[in-house]
């Protein structure tokens, strides 16, 4: 098995728009940009995201559905993990401020996840791990997960309101068929 996820490369007709979006959303740095390729990083890796410029979109090329809604084959989404629930919620507020709402939000049980589409329609999952790895594996082997492997929709505004009111976030993070894990949460949840 590989030791880590290295990077993702997107082919795009919206070259500058895609670069600007990823720089803003990921607080990324452009490591190198030419007319045909751009490399970005948001951490200590030399590059995590790259773009291949396909030039202007041909007029006869039909507009595509997003990866999150399309029934065609291909990548559905690429997932990124935030370290804390506060960071994920703050990212949601930043995206909302930039008029980029999530396509949908799911309590998977293992993670709390918000799904977005970039300017080309590529799916991105922004998540926090709710369960520690051992508990996550046990939950994935449970009858509850078998009955519902996708999870339950949630409204991030409910989490924001609960956080502002200093209410417990546990009911907003766990699925209705889950209990508080014995080993505790993978993230701090008040």
Protein backbone atom coordinates (compact mmCIF):
# COMPACT_ATOMS: atom_id res chain seq x y z
CA UNK A 1 0.00 0.00 0.00
CA UNK A 2 1.17 3.57 -0.55
CA UNK A 3 2.49 5.54 2.41
CA UNK A 4 0.35 8.64 1.69
CA UNK A 5 -1.94 10.36 -0.78
CA UNK A 6 0.26 12.59 -2.96
CA UNK A 7 -1.80 14.78 -5.26
CA UNK A 8 -4.70 15.08 -7.68
CA UNK A 9 -4.48 16.55 -11.19
CA UNK A 10 -7.48 18.10 -12.95
CA UNK A 11 -7.85 18.70 -16.69
CA UNK A 12 -9.79 21.91 -17.21
CA UNK A 13 -11.09 24.46 -19.70
CA UNK A 14 -11.50 26.89 -16.75
CA UNK A 15 -7.79 27.08 -15.94
CA UNK A 16 -7.54 30.43 -14.14
CA UNK A 17 -10.96 30.08 -12.50
CA UNK A 18 -10.04 26.65 -11.11
CA UNK A 19 -6.67 27.88 -9.82
CA UNK A 20 -8.28 30.92 -8.15
CA UNK A 21 -10.99 28.75 -6.56
CA UNK A 22 -8.52 26.25 -5.10
CA UNK A 23 -6.16 28.98 -3.88
CA UNK A 24 -9.05 30.63 -2.06
CA UNK A 25 -10.76 27.48 -0.72
CA UNK A 26 -7.58 25.70 0.43
CA UNK A 27 -5.56 28.81 1.28
CA UNK A 28 -3.12 27.26 -1.16
CA UNK A 29 0.11 28.60 -2.58
CA UNK A 30 0.89 28.43 -6.28
CA UNK A 31 4.21 26.59 -6.43
CA UNK A 32 4.55 26.94 -10.20
CA UNK A 33 2.27 28.12 -13.00
CA UNK A 34 2.80 28.15 -16.75
CA UNK A 35 0.32 28.52 -19.59
CA UNK A 36 -0.26 24.76 -19.57
CA UNK A 37 0.30 23.52 -15.99
CA UNK A 38 -0.10 24.81 -12.46
CA UNK A 39 0.94 23.21 -9.17
CA UNK A 40 -0.53 24.18 -5.78
CA UNK A 41 0.15 23.14 -2.20
CA UNK A 42 -1.64 23.83 1.07
CA UNK A 43 0.84 22.04 3.36
CA UNK A 44 4.48 20.93 3.45
CA UNK A 45 4.11 18.79 0.29
CA UNK A 46 5.64 20.26 -2.89
CA UNK A 47 2.24 19.98 -4.58
CA UNK A 48 -1.14 18.51 -3.68
CA UNK A 49 -3.30 19.80 -6.55
CA UNK A 50 -2.34 20.40 -10.17
CA UNK A 51 -4.18 21.66 -13.23
CA UNK A 52 -3.67 20.87 -16.89
CA UNK A 53 -4.94 23.69 -19.11
CA UNK A 54 -7.10 22.34 -21.95
CA UNK A 55 -7.54 25.82 -23.41
CA UNK A 56 -10.89 27.51 -24.08
CA UNK A 57 -13.94 25.29 -23.90
CA UNK A 58 -15.10 24.33 -27.41
CA UNK A 59 -18.56 25.68 -28.23
CA UNK A 60 -19.81 22.22 -29.23
CA UNK A 61 -18.73 20.61 -25.94
CA UNK A 62 -21.86 19.98 -23.85
CA UNK A 63 -21.96 21.24 -20.28
CA UNK A 64 -21.48 18.37 -17.83
CA UNK A 65 -23.19 17.54 -14.58
CA UNK A 66 -21.13 17.74 -11.42
CA UNK A 67 -19.33 14.63 -10.24
CA UNK A 68 -21.64 14.60 -7.25
CA UNK A 69 -24.84 14.40 -9.31
CA UNK A 70 -23.76 12.67 -12.53
CA UNK A 71 -24.75 9.07 -13.17
CA UNK A 72 -21.78 8.68 -15.55
CA UNK A 73 -18.67 6.74 -14.62
CA UNK A 74 -15.68 8.61 -13.23
CA UNK A 75 -14.49 10.07 -9.95
CA UNK A 76 -17.32 11.03 -7.60
CA UNK A 77 -15.24 13.08 -5.16
CA UNK A 78 -11.86 13.63 -3.55
CA UNK A 79 -11.96 13.88 0.25
CA UNK A 80 -10.05 16.21 2.57
CA UNK A 81 -9.97 15.94 6.38
CA UNK A 82 -9.93 18.91 8.73
CA UNK A 83 -8.30 18.51 12.16
CA UNK A 84 -11.20 19.85 14.23
CA UNK A 85 -14.93 20.33 13.99
CA UNK A 86 -14.42 24.07 14.49
CA UNK A 87 -12.11 24.16 11.46
CA UNK A 88 -14.69 22.32 9.34
CA UNK A 89 -17.47 24.68 10.45
CA UNK A 90 -15.27 27.72 9.85
CA UNK A 91 -14.51 26.39 6.35
CA UNK A 92 -18.25 26.02 5.77
CA UNK A 93 -18.78 29.66 6.80
CA UNK A 94 -15.97 30.79 4.48
CA UNK A 95 -17.47 28.83 1.59
CA UNK A 96 -20.92 30.25 2.38
CA UNK A 97 -19.47 33.78 2.42
CA UNK A 98 -17.99 33.08 -1.04
CA UNK A 99 -21.42 31.88 -2.27
CA UNK A 100 -20.32 28.26 -2.50
CA UNK A 101 -22.84 26.23 -0.51
CA UNK A 102 -22.36 22.51 -0.05
CA UNK A 103 -24.24 20.28 -2.47
CA UNK A 104 -25.23 18.15 0.51
CA UNK A 105 -24.00 17.29 4.02
CA UNK A 106 -23.95 13.81 5.56
CA UNK A 107 -23.45 12.29 8.98
CA UNK A 108 -21.76 9.11 7.82
CA UNK A 109 -21.17 7.87 11.34
CA UNK A 110 -17.43 7.60 10.81
CA UNK A 111 -17.17 11.17 9.57
CA UNK A 112 -19.16 14.36 9.42
CA UNK A 113 -18.96 15.43 5.78
CA UNK A 114 -19.84 18.37 3.55
CA UNK A 115 -19.77 17.87 -0.23
CA UNK A 116 -18.91 20.65 -2.67
CA UNK A 117 -18.41 21.02 -6.41
CA UNK A 118 -15.54 23.07 -7.83
CA UNK A 119 -16.03 25.31 -10.92
CA UNK A 120 -15.60 22.27 -13.22
CA UNK A 121 -18.07 20.19 -11.22
CA UNK A 122 -15.48 17.94 -9.56
CA UNK A 123 -16.75 16.63 -6.24
CA UNK A 124 -14.92 17.41 -3.00
CA UNK A 125 -15.72 16.06 0.44
CA UNK A 126 -14.65 18.18 3.40
CA UNK A 127 -14.82 16.09 6.56
CA UNK A 128 -13.79 15.51 10.14
CA UNK A 129 -13.28 12.04 11.54
CA UNK A 130 -15.89 11.42 14.23
CA UNK A 131 -14.72 7.97 15.32
CA UNK A 132 -11.27 6.68 16.05
CA UNK A 133 -10.08 4.13 13.50
CA UNK A 134 -10.88 0.99 15.54
CA UNK A 135 -14.38 2.26 16.34
CA UNK A 136 -14.88 3.32 12.72
CA UNK A 137 -14.03 -0.18 11.50
CA UNK A 138 -16.40 -1.74 14.07
CA UNK A 139 -19.16 0.64 13.00
CA UNK A 140 -18.60 -0.25 9.33
CA UNK A 141 -19.04 -3.92 10.27
CA UNK A 142 -22.27 -3.22 12.19
CA UNK A 143 -25.84 -4.02 11.11
CA UNK A 144 -26.63 -0.29 11.36
CA UNK A 145 -23.98 0.52 8.75
CA UNK A 146 -25.13 -2.39 6.56
CA UNK A 147 -28.66 -0.99 6.68
CA UNK A 148 -27.48 2.56 5.87
CA UNK A 149 -23.92 2.84 4.51
CA UNK A 150 -24.46 6.41 3.29
CA UNK A 151 -25.67 8.11 6.46
CA UNK A 152 -28.10 10.90 7.23
CA UNK A 153 -28.41 14.38 5.80
CA UNK A 154 -27.75 17.29 8.16
CA UNK A 155 -27.95 21.07 8.00
CA UNK A 156 -24.63 22.74 8.96
CA UNK A 157 -26.59 25.77 10.14
CA UNK A 158 -27.91 23.62 13.01
CA UNK A 159 -24.32 22.92 14.08
CA UNK A 160 -23.38 26.60 13.78
CA UNK A 161 -26.36 27.62 15.96
CA UNK A 162 -25.56 24.94 18.56
CA UNK A 163 -21.91 25.98 18.64
CA UNK A 164 -22.83 29.66 19.09
CA UNK A 165 -25.29 28.74 21.87
CA UNK A 166 -22.59 26.53 23.49
CA UNK A 167 -24.96 23.55 23.32
CA UNK A 168 -23.79 19.97 22.98
CA UNK A 169 -22.84 19.13 19.41
CA UNK A 170 -23.06 15.36 19.97
CA UNK A 171 -26.68 15.07 18.72
CA UNK A 172 -25.70 16.98 15.58
CA UNK A 173 -22.64 14.84 14.85
CA UNK A 174 -23.83 11.30 15.55
CA UNK A 175 -26.32 9.47 13.37
CA UNK A 176 -29.68 8.62 14.93
CA UNK A 177 -28.63 4.93 15.04
CA UNK A 178 -25.34 5.60 16.87
CA UNK A 179 -24.32 5.88 20.48
CA UNK A 180 -21.36 7.74 21.95
CA UNK A 181 -18.28 5.60 21.22
CA UNK A 182 -16.69 3.86 24.22
CA UNK A 183 -13.20 5.00 23.26
CA UNK A 184 -14.42 8.57 22.79
CA UNK A 185 -14.54 10.71 19.70
CA UNK A 186 -11.67 11.21 17.25
CA UNK A 187 -12.24 14.97 17.55
CA UNK A 188 -13.20 17.20 20.44
CA UNK A 189 -16.98 17.44 20.65
CA UNK A 190 -18.59 19.34 23.47
